Amino acid sequence: MKAWEIRRDATGLRVAIVVSRFNHLITVRLLQGAVSELVARGADADDLHVAWVPGAFEIPQAARQLAQTGRYDAVVTLGVVIRGGTPHFEYVCSAVTDGVREIVRDTNVPVGFGVLTTDDTAQALARAGGEHGNKGAEAALAAIEMVHVVRAAKSEPGS
């Protein structure tokens, strides 16, 4: 059995980070977590490009455009959707999740998914540097790992 080594080195990686402005108090913390993780793992801050979008619904469009440029090794998506009293929550969550999944399928560019879907602001804050860690950092780490998985798969004979 052959297993690829898990690589968590961001040295030389160019990463686009798409961040929702809506729920800015939380998304800025997710962004800080993502940037800190990438830089701690060797990325140059000059190779990290941030695109702010109005809300979570707009994340897939911006992420797709950035992935399609060919300038980025990975994209990290960051946002927060907080449940309210209407079905809007489910529609937005589905649209964002489906949109990001399609980007990965269509472009083969790794995308770290750091869009929180929570019942309330307290849950979101707990996942944006609080007691449950920082999901922005986790999304960045997932993107780094997937860059190396994709590269390893492409370098295999017969691929």
N, C-alpha and C. Protein backbone atom coordinates (compact mmCIF):
# COMPACT_ATOMS: atom_id res chain seq x y z
N MET A 1 0.85 -1.18 0.00
CA MET A 1 0.00 0.00 0.00
C MET A 1 0.89 1.24 0.00
N LYS A 2 0.49 2.20 -0.78
CA LYS A 2 1.22 3.45 -0.84
C LYS A 2 0.35 4.55 -0.25
N ALA A 3 0.96 5.38 0.58
CA ALA A 3 0.23 6.51 1.16
C ALA A 3 1.06 7.77 0.94
N TRP A 4 0.40 8.82 0.51
CA TRP A 4 1.10 10.09 0.36
C TRP A 4 1.30 10.72 1.72
N GLU A 5 2.45 11.31 1.89
CA GLU A 5 2.76 12.01 3.13
C GLU A 5 1.85 13.23 3.26
N ILE A 6 1.36 13.46 4.46
CA ILE A 6 0.56 14.66 4.71
C ILE A 6 1.53 15.83 4.82
N ARG A 7 1.36 16.78 3.92
CA ARG A 7 2.25 17.95 3.91
C ARG A 7 1.46 19.17 4.33
N ARG A 8 2.03 19.92 5.24
CA ARG A 8 1.39 21.13 5.75
C ARG A 8 2.30 22.33 5.60
N ASP A 9 3.04 22.35 4.52
CA ASP A 9 3.99 23.42 4.24
C ASP A 9 3.39 24.36 3.20
N ALA A 10 3.25 25.62 3.56
CA ALA A 10 2.66 26.61 2.65
C ALA A 10 3.72 27.45 1.94
N THR A 11 4.98 27.08 2.08
CA THR A 11 6.05 27.85 1.44
C THR A 11 5.82 27.93 -0.06
N GLY A 12 5.83 29.15 -0.57
CA GLY A 12 5.68 29.37 -2.01
C GLY A 12 4.26 29.32 -2.53
N LEU A 13 3.29 29.01 -1.68
CA LEU A 13 1.91 28.92 -2.15
C LEU A 13 1.30 30.31 -2.32
N ARG A 14 0.52 30.45 -3.37
CA ARG A 14 -0.27 31.67 -3.60
C ARG A 14 -1.71 31.31 -3.27
N VAL A 15 -2.29 32.04 -2.35
CA VAL A 15 -3.62 31.70 -1.85
C VAL A 15 -4.53 32.92 -1.91
N ALA A 16 -5.70 32.72 -2.48
CA ALA A 16 -6.75 33.74 -2.47
C ALA A 16 -7.69 33.42 -1.31
N ILE A 17 -8.07 34.44 -0.58
CA ILE A 17 -8.98 34.26 0.55
C ILE A 17 -10.20 35.12 0.30
N VAL A 18 -11.36 34.48 0.19
CA VAL A 18 -12.61 35.19 -0.05
C VAL A 18 -13.35 35.28 1.28
N VAL A 19 -13.68 36.51 1.70
CA VAL A 19 -14.26 36.74 3.02
C VAL A 19 -15.54 37.56 2.90
N SER A 20 -16.56 37.12 3.58
CA SER A 20 -17.83 37.84 3.64
C SER A 20 -17.72 39.02 4.60
N ARG A 21 -18.22 40.19 4.18
CA ARG A 21 -18.27 41.35 5.08
C ARG A 21 -19.41 41.23 6.09
N PHE A 22 -20.48 40.53 5.71
CA PHE A 22 -21.61 40.37 6.61
C PHE A 22 -21.15 39.57 7.83
N ASN A 23 -21.54 39.98 8.99
CA ASN A 23 -21.05 39.40 10.25
C ASN A 23 -19.55 39.64 10.41
N HIS A 24 -19.14 40.87 10.06
CA HIS A 24 -17.72 41.26 10.03
C HIS A 24 -16.99 40.98 11.34
N LEU A 25 -17.64 41.17 12.46
CA LEU A 25 -17.01 40.92 13.76
C LEU A 25 -16.46 39.49 13.82
N ILE A 26 -17.16 38.58 13.19
CA ILE A 26 -16.75 37.17 13.21
C ILE A 26 -15.83 36.85 12.04
N THR A 27 -16.17 37.34 10.84
CA THR A 27 -15.36 36.97 9.67
C THR A 27 -13.95 37.53 9.74
N VAL A 28 -13.78 38.70 10.37
CA VAL A 28 -12.42 39.23 10.49
C VAL A 28 -11.57 38.33 11.38
N ARG A 29 -12.18 37.68 12.36
CA ARG A 29 -11.45 36.73 13.20
C ARG A 29 -11.11 35.46 12.42
N LEU A 30 -12.03 35.02 11.57
CA LEU A 30 -11.72 33.87 10.71
C LEU A 30 -10.56 34.21 9.79
N LEU A 31 -10.57 35.42 9.23
CA LEU A 31 -9.49 35.85 8.34
C LEU A 31 -8.16 35.89 9.09
N GLN A 32 -8.16 36.44 10.28
CA GLN A 32 -6.92 36.48 11.08
C GLN A 32 -6.40 35.06 11.32
N GLY A 33 -7.30 34.14 11.62
CA GLY A 33 -6.89 32.75 11.83
C GLY A 33 -6.29 32.13 10.58
N ALA A 34 -6.93 32.38 9.44
CA ALA A 34 -6.44 31.81 8.18
C ALA A 34 -5.07 32.38 7.82
N VAL A 35 -4.93 33.69 7.89
CA VAL A 35 -3.65 34.32 7.54
C VAL A 35 -2.55 33.86 8.50
N SER A 36 -2.84 33.83 9.78
CA SER A 36 -1.84 33.38 10.76
C SER A 36 -1.39 31.95 10.47
N GLU A 37 -2.34 31.08 10.14
CA GLU A 37 -2.01 29.68 9.85
C GLU A 37 -1.14 29.58 8.60
N LEU A 38 -1.51 30.29 7.56
CA LEU A 38 -0.75 30.24 6.31
C LEU A 38 0.67 30.75 6.51
N VAL A 39 0.82 31.88 7.18
CA VAL A 39 2.14 32.46 7.41
C VAL A 39 2.96 31.57 8.34
N ALA A 40 2.35 31.03 9.37
CA ALA A 40 3.06 30.13 10.29
C ALA A 40 3.58 28.89 9.57
N ARG A 41 2.91 28.51 8.50
CA ARG A 41 3.32 27.32 7.75
C ARG A 41 4.18 27.66 6.54
N GLY A 42 4.64 28.92 6.46
CA GLY A 42 5.64 29.28 5.46
C GLY A 42 5.18 30.15 4.32
N ALA A 43 3.91 30.48 4.24
CA ALA A 43 3.45 31.35 3.15
C ALA A 43 3.99 32.76 3.35
N ASP A 44 4.27 33.43 2.25
CA ASP A 44 4.67 34.83 2.28
C ASP A 44 3.39 35.67 2.28
N ALA A 45 3.29 36.62 3.19
CA ALA A 45 2.08 37.45 3.27
C ALA A 45 1.78 38.14 1.94
N ASP A 46 2.80 38.43 1.14
CA ASP A 46 2.58 39.06 -0.16
C ASP A 46 1.92 38.12 -1.17
N ASP A 47 1.92 36.83 -0.88
CA ASP A 47 1.29 35.84 -1.76
C ASP A 47 -0.13 35.49 -1.32
N LEU A 48 -0.64 36.20 -0.32
CA LEU A 48 -2.01 36.00 0.16
C LEU A 48 -2.84 37.19 -0.29
N HIS A 49 -3.89 36.93 -1.04
CA HIS A 49 -4.74 37.99 -1.58
C HIS A 49 -6.15 37.83 -1.03
N VAL A 50 -6.66 38.90 -0.44
CA VAL A 50 -7.98 38.87 0.20
C VAL A 50 -9.00 39.58 -0.68
N ALA A 51 -10.12 38.92 -0.90
CA ALA A 51 -11.25 39.51 -1.64
C ALA A 51 -12.44 39.56 -0.70
N TRP A 52 -12.87 40.75 -0.35
CA TRP A 52 -14.06 40.92 0.49
C TRP A 52 -15.29 40.92 -0.40
N VAL A 53 -16.31 40.19 0.01
CA VAL A 53 -17.58 40.16 -0.72
C VAL A 53 -18.70 40.56 0.24
N PRO A 54 -19.85 40.99 -0.29
CA PRO A 54 -20.92 41.47 0.60
C PRO A 54 -21.40 40.46 1.63
N GLY A 55 -21.69 39.24 1.20
CA GLY A 55 -22.23 38.24 2.11
C GLY A 55 -21.81 36.85 1.71
N ALA A 56 -22.26 35.86 2.45
CA ALA A 56 -21.89 34.48 2.17
C ALA A 56 -22.36 34.02 0.79
N PHE A 57 -23.52 34.50 0.37
CA PHE A 57 -24.07 34.07 -0.92
C PHE A 57 -23.12 34.42 -2.07
N GLU A 58 -22.36 35.50 -1.93
CA GLU A 58 -21.46 35.94 -3.00
C GLU A 58 -20.11 35.23 -2.98
N ILE A 59 -19.83 34.47 -1.96
CA ILE A 59 -18.53 33.79 -1.85
C ILE A 59 -18.23 32.89 -3.05
N PRO A 60 -19.14 32.01 -3.48
CA PRO A 60 -18.80 31.12 -4.59
C PRO A 60 -18.45 31.84 -5.89
N GLN A 61 -19.15 32.93 -6.20
CA GLN A 61 -18.84 33.63 -7.45
C GLN A 61 -17.42 34.19 -7.42
N ALA A 62 -17.06 34.85 -6.34
CA ALA A 62 -15.71 35.41 -6.25
C ALA A 62 -14.66 34.30 -6.21
N ALA A 63 -14.93 33.25 -5.46
CA ALA A 63 -13.98 32.14 -5.37
C ALA A 63 -13.77 31.48 -6.73
N ARG A 64 -14.84 31.30 -7.49
CA ARG A 64 -14.72 30.72 -8.83
C ARG A 64 -13.85 31.59 -9.73
N GLN A 65 -14.12 32.89 -9.73
CA GLN A 65 -13.35 33.79 -10.58
C GLN A 65 -11.86 33.73 -10.23
N LEU A 66 -11.56 33.73 -8.95
CA LEU A 66 -10.16 33.67 -8.53
C LEU A 66 -9.53 32.32 -8.88
N ALA A 67 -10.24 31.23 -8.67
CA ALA A 67 -9.71 29.90 -8.99
C ALA A 67 -9.43 29.77 -10.48
N GLN A 68 -10.29 30.35 -11.29
CA GLN A 68 -10.15 30.22 -12.75
C GLN A 68 -9.00 31.04 -13.32
N THR A 69 -8.45 31.98 -12.57
CA THR A 69 -7.36 32.80 -13.10
C THR A 69 -6.09 31.99 -13.30
N GLY A 70 -5.93 30.90 -12.55
CA GLY A 70 -4.69 30.13 -12.62
C GLY A 70 -3.56 30.75 -11.81
N ARG A 71 -3.83 31.86 -11.13
CA ARG A 71 -2.78 32.54 -10.35
C ARG A 71 -2.65 32.00 -8.93
N TYR A 72 -3.60 31.18 -8.50
CA TYR A 72 -3.62 30.75 -7.10
C TYR A 72 -3.52 29.23 -7.00
N ASP A 73 -2.76 28.79 -6.01
CA ASP A 73 -2.65 27.36 -5.74
C ASP A 73 -3.86 26.86 -4.98
N ALA A 74 -4.51 27.75 -4.24
CA ALA A 74 -5.69 27.38 -3.45
C ALA A 74 -6.52 28.63 -3.18
N VAL A 75 -7.76 28.37 -2.80
CA VAL A 75 -8.67 29.43 -2.38
C VAL A 75 -9.21 29.02 -1.00
N VAL A 76 -9.35 29.99 -0.12
CA VAL A 76 -9.96 29.76 1.19
C VAL A 76 -11.22 30.62 1.25
N THR A 77 -12.33 30.01 1.63
CA THR A 77 -13.61 30.74 1.72
C THR A 77 -14.00 30.89 3.18
N LEU A 78 -14.34 32.13 3.56
CA LEU A 78 -14.66 32.42 4.96
C LEU A 78 -15.94 33.24 5.05
N GLY A 79 -16.85 32.79 5.88
CA GLY A 79 -18.09 33.52 6.08
C GLY A 79 -18.86 32.94 7.25
N VAL A 80 -19.98 33.56 7.54
CA VAL A 80 -20.83 33.12 8.64
C VAL A 80 -22.29 33.27 8.22
N VAL A 81 -23.05 32.20 8.39
CA VAL A 81 -24.50 32.25 8.18
C VAL A 81 -25.13 31.84 9.51
N ILE A 82 -25.90 32.75 10.09
CA ILE A 82 -26.51 32.50 11.39
C ILE A 82 -28.01 32.28 11.20
N ARG A 83 -28.50 31.21 11.79
CA ARG A 83 -29.90 30.84 11.64
C ARG A 83 -30.81 31.96 12.16
N GLY A 84 -31.85 32.21 11.42
CA GLY A 84 -32.87 33.17 11.84
C GLY A 84 -34.21 32.45 11.93
N GLY A 85 -35.26 33.22 11.86
CA GLY A 85 -36.59 32.63 12.00
C GLY A 85 -37.26 32.28 10.69
N THR A 86 -36.51 32.34 9.57
CA THR A 86 -37.09 32.04 8.26
C THR A 86 -36.25 30.97 7.57
N PRO A 87 -36.75 30.41 6.47
CA PRO A 87 -36.00 29.38 5.73
C PRO A 87 -34.77 29.94 4.99
N HIS A 88 -34.57 31.25 5.03
CA HIS A 88 -33.44 31.89 4.35
C HIS A 88 -32.11 31.20 4.69
N PHE A 89 -31.93 30.83 5.94
CA PHE A 89 -30.71 30.17 6.41
C PHE A 89 -30.39 28.94 5.57
N GLU A 90 -31.38 28.07 5.40
CA GLU A 90 -31.16 26.83 4.65
C GLU A 90 -30.81 27.11 3.19
N TYR A 91 -31.48 28.09 2.59
CA TYR A 91 -31.22 28.41 1.19
C TYR A 91 -29.80 28.94 1.00
N VAL A 92 -29.40 29.85 1.87
CA VAL A 92 -28.06 30.42 1.75
C VAL A 92 -27.00 29.36 2.01
N CYS A 93 -27.18 28.57 3.05
CA CYS A 93 -26.20 27.51 3.36
C CYS A 93 -26.05 26.54 2.19
N SER A 94 -27.16 26.12 1.63
CA SER A 94 -27.12 25.19 0.49
C SER A 94 -26.44 25.82 -0.72
N ALA A 95 -26.79 27.07 -1.01
CA ALA A 95 -26.21 27.75 -2.17
C ALA A 95 -24.70 27.89 -2.03
N VAL A 96 -24.24 28.27 -0.86
CA VAL A 96 -22.81 28.46 -0.65
C VAL A 96 -22.08 27.12 -0.72
N THR A 97 -22.58 26.13 -0.03
CA THR A 97 -21.94 24.81 -0.02
C THR A 97 -21.90 24.21 -1.42
N ASP A 98 -23.03 24.25 -2.12
CA ASP A 98 -23.08 23.71 -3.48
C ASP A 98 -22.15 24.48 -4.41
N GLY A 99 -22.14 25.80 -4.27
CA GLY A 99 -21.30 26.63 -5.12
C GLY A 99 -19.82 26.34 -4.94
N VAL A 100 -19.39 26.18 -3.71
CA VAL A 100 -17.99 25.88 -3.45
C VAL A 100 -17.64 24.48 -3.95
N ARG A 101 -18.52 23.53 -3.74
CA ARG A 101 -18.28 22.16 -4.23
C ARG A 101 -18.09 22.16 -5.75
N GLU A 102 -18.91 22.94 -6.45
CA GLU A 102 -18.80 23.02 -7.91
C GLU A 102 -17.47 23.63 -8.34
N ILE A 103 -16.96 24.58 -7.60
CA ILE A 103 -15.67 25.19 -7.93
C ILE A 103 -14.58 24.14 -7.89
N VAL A 104 -14.57 23.34 -6.84
CA VAL A 104 -13.56 22.29 -6.71
C VAL A 104 -13.68 21.31 -7.87
N ARG A 105 -14.90 20.90 -8.15
CA ARG A 105 -15.13 19.94 -9.23
C ARG A 105 -14.72 20.51 -10.59
N ASP A 106 -15.09 21.75 -10.86
CA ASP A 106 -14.88 22.33 -12.18
C ASP A 106 -13.46 22.84 -12.42
N THR A 107 -12.77 23.28 -11.37
CA THR A 107 -11.45 23.89 -11.57
C THR A 107 -10.31 23.03 -11.07
N ASN A 108 -10.59 22.08 -10.20
CA ASN A 108 -9.58 21.25 -9.55
C ASN A 108 -8.61 22.08 -8.69
N VAL A 109 -9.01 23.29 -8.34
CA VAL A 109 -8.23 24.11 -7.42
C VAL A 109 -8.72 23.81 -6.01
N PRO A 110 -7.83 23.47 -5.10
CA PRO A 110 -8.26 23.19 -3.73
C PRO A 110 -8.93 24.41 -3.09
N VAL A 111 -10.02 24.16 -2.38
CA VAL A 111 -10.74 25.22 -1.69
C VAL A 111 -10.92 24.80 -0.23
N GLY A 112 -10.41 25.63 0.67
CA GLY A 112 -10.64 25.42 2.09
C GLY A 112 -11.96 26.06 2.46
N PHE A 113 -12.86 25.28 3.06
CA PHE A 113 -14.22 25.75 3.35
C PHE A 113 -14.30 26.19 4.81
N GLY A 114 -14.36 27.49 5.01
CA GLY A 114 -14.44 28.05 6.35
C GLY A 114 -15.68 28.90 6.53
N VAL A 115 -16.79 28.42 6.00
CA VAL A 115 -18.06 29.14 6.15
C VAL A 115 -18.81 28.50 7.31
N LEU A 116 -18.98 29.26 8.37
CA LEU A 116 -19.69 28.76 9.55
C LEU A 116 -21.19 28.82 9.34
N THR A 117 -21.88 27.80 9.79
CA THR A 117 -23.34 27.79 9.78
C THR A 117 -23.76 27.47 11.21
N THR A 118 -24.25 28.49 11.90
CA THR A 118 -24.51 28.35 13.33
C THR A 118 -25.92 28.80 13.70
N ASP A 119 -26.32 28.41 14.88
CA ASP A 119 -27.64 28.80 15.38
C ASP A 119 -27.65 30.21 15.94
N ASP A 120 -26.49 30.68 16.40
CA ASP A 120 -26.46 32.03 16.99
C ASP A 120 -25.04 32.59 16.95
N THR A 121 -24.93 33.86 17.32
CA THR A 121 -23.64 34.55 17.28
C THR A 121 -22.64 33.93 18.24
N ALA A 122 -23.10 33.49 19.39
CA ALA A 122 -22.19 32.88 20.38
C ALA A 122 -21.51 31.64 19.80
N GLN A 123 -22.25 30.81 19.09
CA GLN A 123 -21.65 29.62 18.47
C GLN A 123 -20.62 30.04 17.43
N ALA A 124 -20.92 31.06 16.66
CA ALA A 124 -19.98 31.53 15.64
C ALA A 124 -18.70 32.06 16.28
N LEU A 125 -18.82 32.88 17.30
CA LEU A 125 -17.64 33.41 17.98
C LEU A 125 -16.80 32.30 18.60
N ALA A 126 -17.44 31.27 19.11
CA ALA A 126 -16.71 30.14 19.69
C ALA A 126 -15.87 29.42 18.65
N ARG A 127 -16.24 29.53 17.38
CA ARG A 127 -15.54 28.86 16.29
C ARG A 127 -14.65 29.82 15.50
N ALA A 128 -14.57 31.05 15.95
CA ALA A 128 -13.75 32.07 15.29
C ALA A 128 -12.68 32.56 16.25
N GLY A 129 -11.99 31.62 16.86
CA GLY A 129 -10.94 31.95 17.80
C GLY A 129 -11.33 31.77 19.24
N GLY A 130 -12.51 31.23 19.48
CA GLY A 130 -12.98 30.99 20.85
C GLY A 130 -12.70 29.57 21.30
N GLU A 131 -13.57 29.06 22.14
CA GLU A 131 -13.34 27.75 22.77
C GLU A 131 -13.32 26.58 21.79
N HIS A 132 -13.86 26.76 20.59
CA HIS A 132 -13.84 25.68 19.59
C HIS A 132 -12.79 25.92 18.51
N GLY A 133 -11.80 26.73 18.79
CA GLY A 133 -10.72 26.98 17.84
C GLY A 133 -11.09 28.03 16.82
N ASN A 134 -10.34 28.03 15.72
CA ASN A 134 -10.59 29.00 14.66
C ASN A 134 -10.77 28.24 13.36
N LYS A 135 -11.99 28.22 12.87
CA LYS A 135 -12.30 27.47 11.64
C LYS A 135 -11.66 28.11 10.42
N GLY A 136 -11.29 29.39 10.51
CA GLY A 136 -10.54 30.01 9.42
C GLY A 136 -9.16 29.38 9.29
N ALA A 137 -8.51 29.17 10.42
CA ALA A 137 -7.21 28.50 10.43
C ALA A 137 -7.34 27.07 9.92
N GLU A 138 -8.40 26.38 10.34
CA GLU A 138 -8.61 25.00 9.89
C GLU A 138 -8.86 24.94 8.38
N ALA A 139 -9.60 25.90 7.85
CA ALA A 139 -9.85 25.93 6.40
C ALA A 139 -8.56 26.18 5.64
N ALA A 140 -7.72 27.06 6.16
CA ALA A 140 -6.43 27.33 5.52
C ALA A 140 -5.56 26.08 5.53
N LEU A 141 -5.53 25.38 6.64
CA LEU A 141 -4.73 24.16 6.74
C LEU A 141 -5.25 23.09 5.78
N ALA A 142 -6.56 22.96 5.66
CA ALA A 142 -7.14 22.00 4.71
C ALA A 142 -6.73 22.35 3.28
N ALA A 143 -6.73 23.63 2.96
CA ALA A 143 -6.33 24.06 1.61
C ALA A 143 -4.87 23.71 1.34
N ILE A 144 -4.01 23.96 2.32
CA ILE A 144 -2.58 23.62 2.17
C ILE A 144 -2.42 22.12 1.90
N GLU A 145 -3.05 21.32 2.73
CA GLU A 145 -2.93 19.87 2.57
C GLU A 145 -3.43 19.41 1.20
N MET A 146 -4.55 19.98 0.76
CA MET A 146 -5.12 19.56 -0.52
C MET A 146 -4.27 19.99 -1.71
N VAL A 147 -3.56 21.11 -1.61
CA VAL A 147 -2.63 21.49 -2.68
C VAL A 147 -1.62 20.37 -2.87
N HIS A 148 -1.09 19.86 -1.78
CA HIS A 148 -0.08 18.81 -1.88
C HIS A 148 -0.66 17.48 -2.34
N VAL A 149 -1.89 17.17 -1.95
CA VAL A 149 -2.55 15.94 -2.43
C VAL A 149 -2.75 16.02 -3.94
N VAL A 150 -3.26 17.15 -4.41
CA VAL A 150 -3.50 17.32 -5.85
C VAL A 150 -2.18 17.23 -6.62
N ARG A 151 -1.15 17.88 -6.12
CA ARG A 151 0.15 17.82 -6.79
C ARG A 151 0.70 16.40 -6.81
N ALA A 152 0.56 15.68 -5.72
CA ALA A 152 1.04 14.30 -5.67
C ALA A 152 0.28 13.43 -6.65
N ALA A 153 -1.02 13.62 -6.74
CA ALA A 153 -1.84 12.84 -7.67
C ALA A 153 -1.45 13.12 -9.11
N LYS A 154 -1.16 14.38 -9.42
CA LYS A 154 -0.77 14.75 -10.78
C LYS A 154 0.60 14.20 -11.15
N SER A 155 1.47 14.01 -10.16
CA SER A 155 2.82 13.55 -10.46
C SER A 155 2.93 12.02 -10.51
N GLU A 156 1.85 11.32 -10.15
CA GLU A 156 1.86 9.86 -10.20
C GLU A 156 1.92 9.40 -11.66
N PRO A 157 2.69 8.35 -11.94
CA PRO A 157 2.70 7.81 -13.30
C PRO A 157 1.29 7.40 -13.73
N GLY A 158 0.95 7.75 -14.95
CA GLY A 158 -0.36 7.39 -15.49
C GLY A 158 -1.45 8.40 -15.19
N SER A 159 -1.10 9.49 -14.48
CA SER A 159 -2.16 10.47 -14.19
C SER A 159 -2.16 11.58 -15.20
